[in-house]
Amino acid sequence: MNGNDILVSLDIGSSKVRVIIGEINNGAMNIIGVGSADSEGIRKGAIVDIDQTVQSIRSAVDHAERMVGVSISEVHVGISGNHIALQSSHGVVAVSNENREIGQEDIERVLQAARVIALPPEREIIGVVPKQYVVDGLEEIHDPRGMIGVRLEVEATIVTGAKTAVHNLVRCVEKAGLGVSGLILNSLASSQLALSKDERTMGTVLVDIGAGATTISIFDQGNLTATSTLPIGGEFITNDISIGLRTQTDVAEKIKLKYGCAIVADADPEQTFKVSRIGSNSDKEYTQVDLANIIEPRVQEIFHLIHNEVQRLGVKDLAGGYVLTGGTVSMPGVVTIGQEELQAPVRVAVPDFIGVRDPAYINGVGIIQYVTKYTKGSSPRYSKKSVANKIGTSSSEKQGFFQKLKNWFKEFI
């Protein structure tokens, strides 16, 4: 990429909708704007109310726009959920250049060839992730551009999702007045920041513990090999606190964030706080130990379920252990309980950028990193100047994501 380009990511979670604006300057990425809003239309990672989700997206976008002073018109959208599935595929094309030098066009054609697979009518391709390229029989090539060859092949992983979930997600974004530059699997995006090259090669379990859902992704030999989503997360801890202290959910959430500790032994008995109780006019005082007694069993259960799901996926001991992301893992004591329950090395991944040094932002920042690294100029990008020029463009003038997909199929078939 030449000059300064701007990429915008949209991460729609059960608790928050986050918009992150990244500036790419000759390959180096800086985060220049962040917007967030409470997520109202999402339950357990799935969209349950279109209008509320649209409003949350607009609020987060407005917040980010005011911070940077630009108008956002297109976003790269993160997607996750238990409807996501992985499927292996193989594509083959002849190198089109007369001098047999492989270029970007050949790579795009072979990836399109890998897309031609049999799918049930209710499923849709979200993306193609190349595992390796093969040039005239030579394997384990990660970037064949510039090489000389006659036959180009690709071994790829096809990411598919339920049409209903994909259409609802894109519909929400487009109703919010935004164009969808592309859908990026959150697991792939966050792995760009959370995992080192060695961890992806040796084998690591990436665990995103969000508010309403926990996503488990297995990386081995440098590739995403399995993914699964559990309908449990930080909201369950909040609900336990709400019931245990007999207080409202929003009060319980604030208490969890301010005083929460996942281990009773580490809690401070001198740390006290008052809680307004449902059905009572007077506040009641509790200690951090009282709160930890509610939190610890639920956190243990979350990691127990994660361990069982990893076993179900057929994964044995991986050298890289477990890497945690998501807002829930910021709570003191979570890593210690994770190590005890999983009986493996556990660490928390945090984006190393000013303004987003929180595990909750790793998906949004990872999307920008992923697009920068892997789209190689084939994905829509826009500079500060072009962003400014798009102010006032109506949503009807933008070509929808599915119209682009439809046009592509016409060209290919």
Protein backbone atom coordinates (compact mmCIF):
# COMPACT_ATOMS: atom_id res chain seq x y z
CA MET A 1 0.00 0.00 0.00
CA ASN A 2 1.21 3.45 -0.85
CA GLY A 3 0.59 6.52 1.26
CA ASN A 4 -1.90 6.64 4.12
CA ASP A 5 -4.91 4.34 3.92
CA ILE A 6 -7.71 4.01 6.42
CA LEU A 7 -9.38 0.72 7.34
CA VAL A 8 -12.39 0.48 9.64
CA SER A 9 -13.42 -2.64 11.56
CA LEU A 10 -16.79 -3.40 13.12
CA ASP A 11 -17.00 -5.94 15.96
CA ILE A 12 -20.58 -6.67 17.03
CA GLY A 13 -20.54 -8.42 20.39
CA SER A 14 -23.18 -9.38 22.96
CA SER A 15 -22.11 -6.61 25.34
CA LYS A 16 -20.55 -3.91 23.14
CA VAL A 17 -20.43 -2.85 19.50
CA ARG A 18 -16.92 -1.58 18.74
CA VAL A 19 -15.70 0.40 15.74
CA ILE A 20 -11.95 0.80 15.28
CA ILE A 21 -10.30 3.07 12.72
CA GLY A 22 -6.79 2.11 11.67
CA GLU A 23 -4.38 4.15 9.59
CA ILE A 24 -1.96 2.17 7.44
CA ASN A 25 1.20 4.09 6.55
CA ASN A 26 3.52 2.08 4.27
CA GLY A 27 2.56 -1.17 5.98
CA ALA A 28 2.72 0.15 9.56
CA MET A 29 -0.59 0.25 11.43
CA ASN A 30 -1.76 2.88 13.91
CA ILE A 31 -5.09 3.04 15.70
CA ILE A 32 -6.45 6.58 15.31
CA GLY A 33 -10.07 6.20 16.38
CA VAL A 34 -12.22 3.99 18.60
CA GLY A 35 -15.98 4.03 19.09
CA SER A 36 -18.11 1.79 21.27
CA ALA A 37 -21.75 1.49 22.27
CA ASP A 38 -23.81 -0.84 24.39
CA SER A 39 -25.08 -3.76 22.34
CA GLU A 40 -28.85 -3.97 22.67
CA GLY A 41 -29.98 -6.39 19.95
CA ILE A 42 -27.55 -9.29 20.52
CA ARG A 43 -28.10 -12.34 22.71
CA LYS A 44 -25.43 -15.04 23.13
CA GLY A 45 -23.60 -13.76 20.07
CA ALA A 46 -26.64 -13.85 17.75
CA ILE A 47 -28.73 -10.97 16.40
CA VAL A 48 -32.22 -11.06 17.92
CA ASP A 49 -33.40 -7.51 17.16
CA ILE A 50 -32.46 -5.81 13.88
CA ASP A 51 -33.52 -2.27 14.82
CA GLN A 52 -31.74 -2.27 18.18
CA THR A 53 -28.57 -3.67 16.59
CA VAL A 54 -28.69 -1.00 13.87
CA GLN A 55 -29.00 1.71 16.51
CA SER A 56 -26.03 0.29 18.44
CA ILE A 57 -23.92 0.24 15.26
CA ARG A 58 -24.84 3.85 14.49
CA SER A 59 -23.94 4.95 18.02
CA ALA A 60 -20.52 3.25 17.86
CA VAL A 61 -19.82 4.70 14.39
CA ASP A 62 -20.83 8.21 15.50
CA HIS A 63 -18.50 7.91 18.49
CA ALA A 64 -15.56 6.89 16.26
CA GLU A 65 -16.33 9.57 13.64
CA ARG A 66 -16.35 12.35 16.23
CA MET A 67 -12.99 11.19 17.57
CA VAL A 68 -11.25 11.30 14.17
CA GLY A 69 -13.32 13.86 12.27
CA VAL A 70 -14.10 11.72 9.23
CA SER A 71 -17.21 10.05 7.83
CA ILE A 72 -17.16 6.25 7.78
CA SER A 73 -18.84 4.68 4.77
CA GLU A 74 -17.41 1.16 4.59
CA VAL A 75 -16.39 -1.34 7.25
CA HIS A 76 -14.80 -4.76 7.52
CA VAL A 77 -17.17 -6.79 9.70
CA GLY A 78 -16.16 -9.51 12.13
CA ILE A 79 -18.33 -12.62 12.25
CA SER A 80 -18.50 -15.54 14.69
CA GLY A 81 -21.04 -17.93 16.18
CA ASN A 82 -21.93 -21.59 16.44
CA HIS A 83 -23.16 -21.57 12.82
CA ILE A 84 -19.59 -21.21 11.51
CA ALA A 85 -18.07 -24.31 9.89
CA LEU A 86 -14.77 -25.12 8.18
CA GLN A 87 -14.35 -27.20 5.04
CA SER A 88 -11.21 -28.17 3.10
CA SER A 89 -11.01 -27.40 -0.60
CA HIS A 90 -8.57 -27.54 -3.51
CA GLY A 91 -8.24 -25.18 -6.48
CA VAL A 92 -6.19 -25.48 -9.68
CA VAL A 93 -5.57 -22.95 -12.49
CA ALA A 94 -3.09 -22.48 -15.33
CA VAL A 95 -0.79 -19.48 -14.97
CA SER A 96 -2.13 -16.84 -17.37
CA ASN A 97 1.00 -14.75 -17.94
CA GLU A 98 2.93 -15.32 -21.16
CA ASN A 99 6.22 -15.31 -19.25
CA ARG A 100 4.68 -17.75 -16.70
CA GLU A 101 5.27 -15.38 -13.79
CA ILE A 102 2.60 -15.81 -11.12
CA GLY A 103 0.82 -12.58 -10.25
CA GLN A 104 -1.99 -11.38 -7.98
CA GLU A 105 -4.56 -12.16 -10.68
CA ASP A 106 -3.49 -15.84 -10.73
CA ILE A 107 -3.81 -16.03 -6.94
CA GLU A 108 -7.31 -14.56 -7.04
CA ARG A 109 -8.33 -17.00 -9.81
CA VAL A 110 -7.07 -20.06 -7.92
CA LEU A 111 -8.85 -18.92 -4.75
CA GLN A 112 -12.05 -18.49 -6.77
CA ALA A 113 -11.56 -22.01 -8.11
CA ALA A 114 -11.30 -23.29 -4.53
CA ARG A 115 -14.68 -21.68 -3.80
CA VAL A 116 -16.45 -24.04 -6.22
CA ILE A 117 -17.70 -26.63 -3.72
CA ALA A 118 -21.01 -28.34 -3.00
CA LEU A 119 -22.88 -26.56 -0.22
CA PRO A 120 -26.31 -27.11 1.33
CA PRO A 121 -28.79 -24.39 0.25
CA GLU A 122 -28.94 -22.92 3.75
CA ARG A 123 -25.19 -22.27 3.93
CA GLU A 124 -22.97 -19.63 2.37
CA ILE A 125 -19.24 -19.09 1.85
CA ILE A 126 -17.82 -16.36 4.08
CA GLY A 127 -14.18 -16.61 3.12
CA VAL A 128 -11.33 -18.70 1.72
CA VAL A 129 -8.18 -19.16 3.81
CA PRO A 130 -5.19 -20.57 1.88
CA LYS A 131 -3.21 -23.19 3.79
CA GLN A 132 -0.53 -23.63 1.14
CA TYR A 133 0.09 -23.03 -2.56
CA VAL A 134 1.59 -25.60 -4.92
CA VAL A 135 3.52 -24.46 -8.03
CA ASP A 136 4.19 -27.26 -10.55
CA GLY A 137 4.25 -29.83 -7.72
CA LEU A 138 6.39 -27.76 -5.32
CA GLU A 139 4.51 -27.61 -2.01
CA GLU A 140 4.48 -25.49 1.16
CA ILE A 141 4.54 -22.13 -0.64
CA HIS A 142 2.86 -19.30 1.28
CA ASP A 143 3.22 -16.52 -1.31
CA PRO A 144 3.79 -17.65 -4.92
CA ARG A 145 3.78 -14.17 -6.45
CA GLY A 146 6.80 -13.62 -8.67
CA MET A 147 7.53 -17.34 -9.03
CA ILE A 148 7.69 -18.97 -12.46
CA GLY A 149 5.31 -21.83 -13.13
CA VAL A 150 2.68 -23.35 -15.39
CA ARG A 151 0.23 -24.84 -12.88
CA LEU A 152 -0.88 -23.11 -9.68
CA GLU A 153 -2.78 -25.01 -6.98
CA VAL A 154 -4.06 -24.04 -3.55
CA GLU A 155 -5.01 -26.09 -0.51
CA ALA A 156 -7.55 -23.95 1.31
CA THR A 157 -10.00 -23.86 4.18
CA ILE A 158 -13.46 -22.64 3.21
CA VAL A 159 -15.24 -20.76 6.00
CA THR A 160 -19.01 -21.14 5.72
CA GLY A 161 -21.91 -19.81 7.75
CA ALA A 162 -25.69 -20.07 7.96
CA LYS A 163 -27.31 -17.81 5.34
CA THR A 164 -29.80 -16.47 7.86
CA ALA A 165 -27.11 -15.34 10.30
CA VAL A 166 -24.91 -13.87 7.54
CA HIS A 167 -27.81 -12.03 5.86
CA ASN A 168 -29.04 -10.60 9.18
CA LEU A 169 -25.55 -9.36 10.05
CA VAL A 170 -25.04 -7.69 6.64
CA ARG A 171 -28.59 -6.33 6.75
CA CYS A 172 -27.91 -4.61 10.09
CA VAL A 173 -24.72 -3.00 8.80
CA GLU A 174 -26.34 -1.77 5.57
CA LYS A 175 -29.41 -0.43 7.42
CA ALA A 176 -26.97 1.56 9.54
CA GLY A 177 -25.89 3.30 6.30
CA LEU A 178 -22.60 1.45 5.85
CA GLY A 179 -21.12 -0.64 3.06
CA VAL A 180 -19.63 -4.06 3.87
CA SER A 181 -16.10 -4.30 2.49
CA GLY A 182 -15.87 -7.90 3.64
CA LEU A 183 -16.69 -10.42 6.35
CA ILE A 184 -13.75 -11.61 8.44
CA LEU A 185 -13.91 -14.59 10.81
CA ASN A 186 -13.11 -13.19 14.27
CA SER A 187 -10.92 -16.19 15.15
CA LEU A 188 -8.66 -15.58 12.15
CA ALA A 189 -8.56 -11.85 12.84
CA SER A 190 -7.71 -12.08 16.53
CA SER A 191 -5.05 -14.74 15.90
CA GLN A 192 -3.02 -12.11 14.01
CA LEU A 193 -2.42 -10.29 17.28
CA ALA A 194 -2.97 -12.96 19.92
CA LEU A 195 -0.72 -15.72 18.57
CA SER A 196 2.89 -15.74 17.48
CA LYS A 197 3.99 -17.63 14.38
CA ASP A 198 5.49 -20.35 16.58
CA GLU A 199 2.28 -20.71 18.60
CA ARG A 200 0.23 -21.18 15.42
CA THR A 201 2.74 -23.77 14.19
CA MET A 202 3.20 -25.76 17.42
CA GLY A 203 -0.50 -25.80 18.22
CA THR A 204 -2.50 -23.44 20.42
CA VAL A 205 -6.10 -23.06 21.60
CA LEU A 206 -7.36 -19.50 21.19
CA VAL A 207 -10.29 -18.80 23.53
CA ASP A 208 -12.41 -15.65 23.20
CA ILE A 209 -14.56 -15.31 26.34
CA GLY A 210 -17.10 -12.64 25.49
CA ALA A 211 -20.20 -11.51 27.33
CA GLY A 212 -22.72 -13.90 25.78
CA ALA A 213 -20.59 -16.57 24.11
CA THR A 214 -17.17 -18.23 24.24
CA THR A 215 -15.45 -19.04 20.95
CA ILE A 216 -12.81 -21.78 20.88
CA SER A 217 -10.39 -21.93 17.92
CA ILE A 218 -7.71 -24.54 17.37
CA PHE A 219 -4.55 -23.54 15.48
CA ASP A 220 -2.05 -26.19 14.42
CA GLN A 221 0.68 -26.32 11.74
CA GLY A 222 0.04 -22.65 11.08
CA ASN A 223 -3.64 -23.10 10.19
CA LEU A 224 -7.06 -22.84 11.81
CA THR A 225 -8.15 -26.48 12.11
CA ALA A 226 -11.34 -26.32 14.19
CA THR A 227 -13.69 -23.81 15.78
CA SER A 228 -16.62 -24.02 18.16
CA THR A 229 -18.83 -21.63 20.13
CA LEU A 230 -20.27 -22.19 23.60
CA PRO A 231 -23.33 -20.14 24.68
CA ILE A 232 -21.75 -18.99 27.95
CA GLY A 233 -19.70 -15.96 28.93
CA GLY A 234 -19.35 -12.97 31.21
CA GLU A 235 -23.09 -12.24 31.24
CA PHE A 236 -23.59 -15.42 33.27
CA ILE A 237 -21.25 -14.06 35.96
CA THR A 238 -23.22 -10.80 35.97
CA ASN A 239 -26.52 -12.70 36.32
CA ASP A 240 -25.11 -14.73 39.23
CA ILE A 241 -24.09 -11.50 40.98
CA SER A 242 -27.51 -9.99 40.30
CA ILE A 243 -29.26 -12.98 41.88
CA GLY A 244 -26.76 -13.44 44.73
CA LEU A 245 -26.85 -9.79 45.81
CA ARG A 246 -30.51 -9.29 44.85
CA THR A 247 -29.74 -6.25 42.72
CA GLN A 248 -30.40 -5.03 39.19
CA THR A 249 -28.35 -6.43 36.31
CA ASP A 250 -26.77 -3.10 35.34
CA VAL A 251 -25.70 -2.57 38.98
CA ALA A 252 -24.28 -6.10 39.08
CA GLU A 253 -22.26 -5.41 35.90
CA LYS A 254 -20.72 -2.25 37.39
CA ILE A 255 -19.85 -4.09 40.61
CA LYS A 256 -18.27 -6.94 38.64
CA LEU A 257 -16.09 -4.56 36.65
CA LYS A 258 -15.01 -2.51 39.67
CA TYR A 259 -14.66 -5.09 42.46
CA GLY A 260 -14.73 -8.46 40.71
CA CYS A 261 -12.13 -11.08 41.65
CA ALA A 262 -12.28 -14.67 40.39
CA ILE A 263 -10.46 -16.25 43.36
CA VAL A 264 -11.83 -16.10 46.91
CA ALA A 265 -8.34 -16.48 48.45
CA ASP A 266 -7.12 -13.37 46.60
CA ALA A 267 -10.13 -11.21 47.50
CA ASP A 268 -9.71 -8.39 50.03
CA PRO A 269 -12.04 -8.69 53.05
CA GLU A 270 -11.40 -5.01 53.81
CA GLN A 271 -12.71 -3.93 50.37
CA THR A 272 -16.39 -3.11 50.88
CA PHE A 273 -19.13 -1.65 48.71
CA LYS A 274 -22.83 -0.89 49.07
CA VAL A 275 -25.52 -2.32 46.81
CA SER A 276 -29.08 -1.12 46.25
CA ARG A 277 -31.26 -4.22 46.60
CA ILE A 278 -34.45 -5.04 44.73
CA GLY A 279 -37.49 -4.78 47.02
CA SER A 280 -35.65 -2.74 49.64
CA ASN A 281 -35.21 0.98 50.23
CA SER A 282 -31.88 0.57 52.05
CA ASP A 283 -28.48 -0.38 50.64
CA LYS A 284 -26.60 -3.41 51.94
CA GLU A 285 -22.84 -3.60 52.38
CA TYR A 286 -20.78 -6.48 50.98
CA THR A 287 -17.08 -7.32 50.83
CA GLN A 288 -14.99 -8.37 47.87
CA VAL A 289 -14.84 -11.85 49.45
CA ASP A 290 -18.65 -12.09 49.27
CA LEU A 291 -18.46 -11.19 45.59
CA ALA A 292 -15.65 -13.65 44.88
CA ASN A 293 -17.69 -16.47 46.43
CA ILE A 294 -20.28 -15.85 43.71
CA ILE A 295 -17.82 -15.38 40.84
CA GLU A 296 -15.33 -18.22 41.40
CA PRO A 297 -17.70 -21.19 40.83
CA ARG A 298 -19.01 -19.71 37.58
CA VAL A 299 -15.51 -19.00 36.21
CA GLN A 300 -14.50 -22.56 37.13
CA GLU A 301 -17.54 -23.85 35.24
CA ILE A 302 -16.71 -21.78 32.14
CA PHE A 303 -13.18 -23.24 31.98
CA HIS A 304 -14.51 -26.74 32.69
CA LEU A 305 -16.84 -26.43 29.68
CA ILE A 306 -13.96 -25.08 27.56
CA HIS A 307 -11.81 -28.09 28.52
CA ASN A 308 -14.62 -30.53 27.68
CA GLU A 309 -15.24 -28.86 24.30
CA VAL A 310 -11.54 -28.97 23.37
CA GLN A 311 -11.53 -32.68 24.24
CA ARG A 312 -14.64 -33.19 22.12
CA LEU A 313 -12.87 -31.57 19.17
CA GLY A 314 -10.26 -34.32 19.47
CA VAL A 315 -7.43 -32.03 20.52
CA LYS A 316 -4.73 -33.47 22.76
CA ASP A 317 -1.91 -31.61 24.48
CA LEU A 318 -0.83 -28.65 22.36
CA ALA A 319 2.57 -27.09 23.01
CA GLY A 320 1.22 -23.55 22.83
CA GLY A 321 -1.36 -24.09 25.57
CA TYR A 322 -4.28 -21.67 25.80
CA VAL A 323 -4.40 -17.98 24.88
CA LEU A 324 -7.34 -15.97 26.24
CA THR A 325 -9.02 -12.91 24.74
CA GLY A 326 -12.30 -11.07 25.35
CA GLY A 327 -13.46 -8.60 27.94
CA THR A 328 -14.21 -11.24 30.61
CA VAL A 329 -10.57 -12.33 30.96
CA SER A 330 -9.53 -8.91 32.33
CA MET A 331 -10.85 -9.87 35.77
CA PRO A 332 -8.13 -10.65 38.36
CA GLY A 333 -7.72 -14.38 39.00
CA VAL A 334 -9.17 -15.62 35.70
CA VAL A 335 -5.79 -16.81 34.38
CA THR A 336 -5.02 -18.69 37.61
CA ILE A 337 -8.33 -20.55 37.52
CA GLY A 338 -7.78 -21.26 33.83
CA GLN A 339 -4.43 -22.87 34.57
CA GLU A 340 -5.95 -25.00 37.33
CA GLU A 341 -8.95 -26.17 35.30
CA LEU A 342 -7.19 -26.65 31.94
CA GLN A 343 -3.93 -28.07 33.36
CA ALA A 344 -1.99 -26.22 30.66
CA PRO A 345 -0.12 -22.94 30.13
CA VAL A 346 -2.56 -20.00 29.96
CA ARG A 347 -1.94 -16.37 29.09
CA VAL A 348 -4.00 -13.31 28.13
CA ALA A 349 -3.46 -11.57 24.78
CA VAL A 350 -3.72 -7.76 24.69
CA PRO A 351 -3.36 -5.47 21.62
CA ASP A 352 -0.18 -3.41 21.85
CA PHE A 353 -1.65 -0.15 20.55
CA ILE A 354 -2.39 3.05 22.45
CA GLY A 355 -6.07 3.39 23.33
CA VAL A 356 -6.97 -0.28 22.82
CA ARG A 357 -4.79 -2.09 25.37
CA ASP A 358 -7.62 -4.32 26.51
CA PRO A 359 -8.40 -7.96 25.57
CA ALA A 360 -11.90 -6.82 24.53
CA TYR A 361 -10.47 -4.91 21.53
CA ILE A 362 -8.43 -7.75 20.06
CA ASN A 363 -11.07 -8.78 17.49
CA GLY A 364 -11.52 -5.26 16.13
CA VAL A 365 -7.79 -4.51 15.92
CA GLY A 366 -7.14 -8.00 14.55
CA ILE A 367 -9.59 -7.44 11.67
CA ILE A 368 -7.58 -4.41 10.49
CA GLN A 369 -4.33 -6.36 10.84
CA TYR A 370 -5.76 -9.33 8.93
CA VAL A 371 -7.06 -7.20 6.05
CA THR A 372 -3.74 -5.33 5.83
CA LYS A 373 -1.75 -8.56 5.70
CA TYR A 374 -3.84 -10.84 3.51
CA THR A 375 -5.95 -8.89 1.04
CA LYS A 376 -2.89 -7.76 -0.97
CA GLY A 377 -4.77 -4.86 -2.53
CA SER A 378 -7.77 -6.91 -3.71
CA SER A 379 -10.09 -5.67 -0.96
CA PRO A 380 -11.72 -2.23 -1.02
CA ARG A 381 -9.71 0.40 0.82
CA TYR A 382 -10.17 4.12 1.09
CA SER A 383 -7.88 6.99 2.02
CA LYS A 384 -8.67 9.95 4.25
CA LYS A 385 -9.43 12.00 1.15
CA SER A 386 -11.85 9.46 -0.30
CA VAL A 387 -13.51 9.00 3.09
CA ALA A 388 -14.16 12.74 3.23
CA ASN A 389 -15.51 12.69 -0.33
CA LYS A 390 -18.07 10.06 0.65
CA ILE A 391 -19.78 12.31 3.19
CA GLY A 392 -23.41 12.60 2.21
CA THR A 393 -23.46 9.47 0.07
CA SER A 394 -26.79 7.74 0.62
CA SER A 395 -26.95 4.04 1.42
CA SER A 396 -28.99 3.45 -1.75
CA GLU A 397 -25.99 4.59 -3.83
CA LYS A 398 -23.74 1.99 -2.31
CA GLN A 399 -23.52 -1.39 -3.91
CA GLY A 400 -24.57 -3.98 -1.35
CA PHE A 401 -22.30 -6.81 -0.29
CA PHE A 402 -24.62 -9.45 -1.71
CA GLN A 403 -24.95 -7.61 -5.02
CA LYS A 404 -21.16 -7.72 -5.32
CA LEU A 405 -21.26 -11.45 -4.54
CA LYS A 406 -24.01 -11.97 -7.13
CA ASN A 407 -22.03 -10.11 -9.79
CA TRP A 408 -18.94 -12.16 -8.99
CA PHE A 409 -20.85 -15.42 -9.45
CA LYS A 410 -22.16 -14.18 -12.82
CA GLU A 411 -18.61 -13.48 -13.97
CA PHE A 412 -17.26 -16.76 -12.70
CA ILE A 413 -20.05 -19.09 -13.78
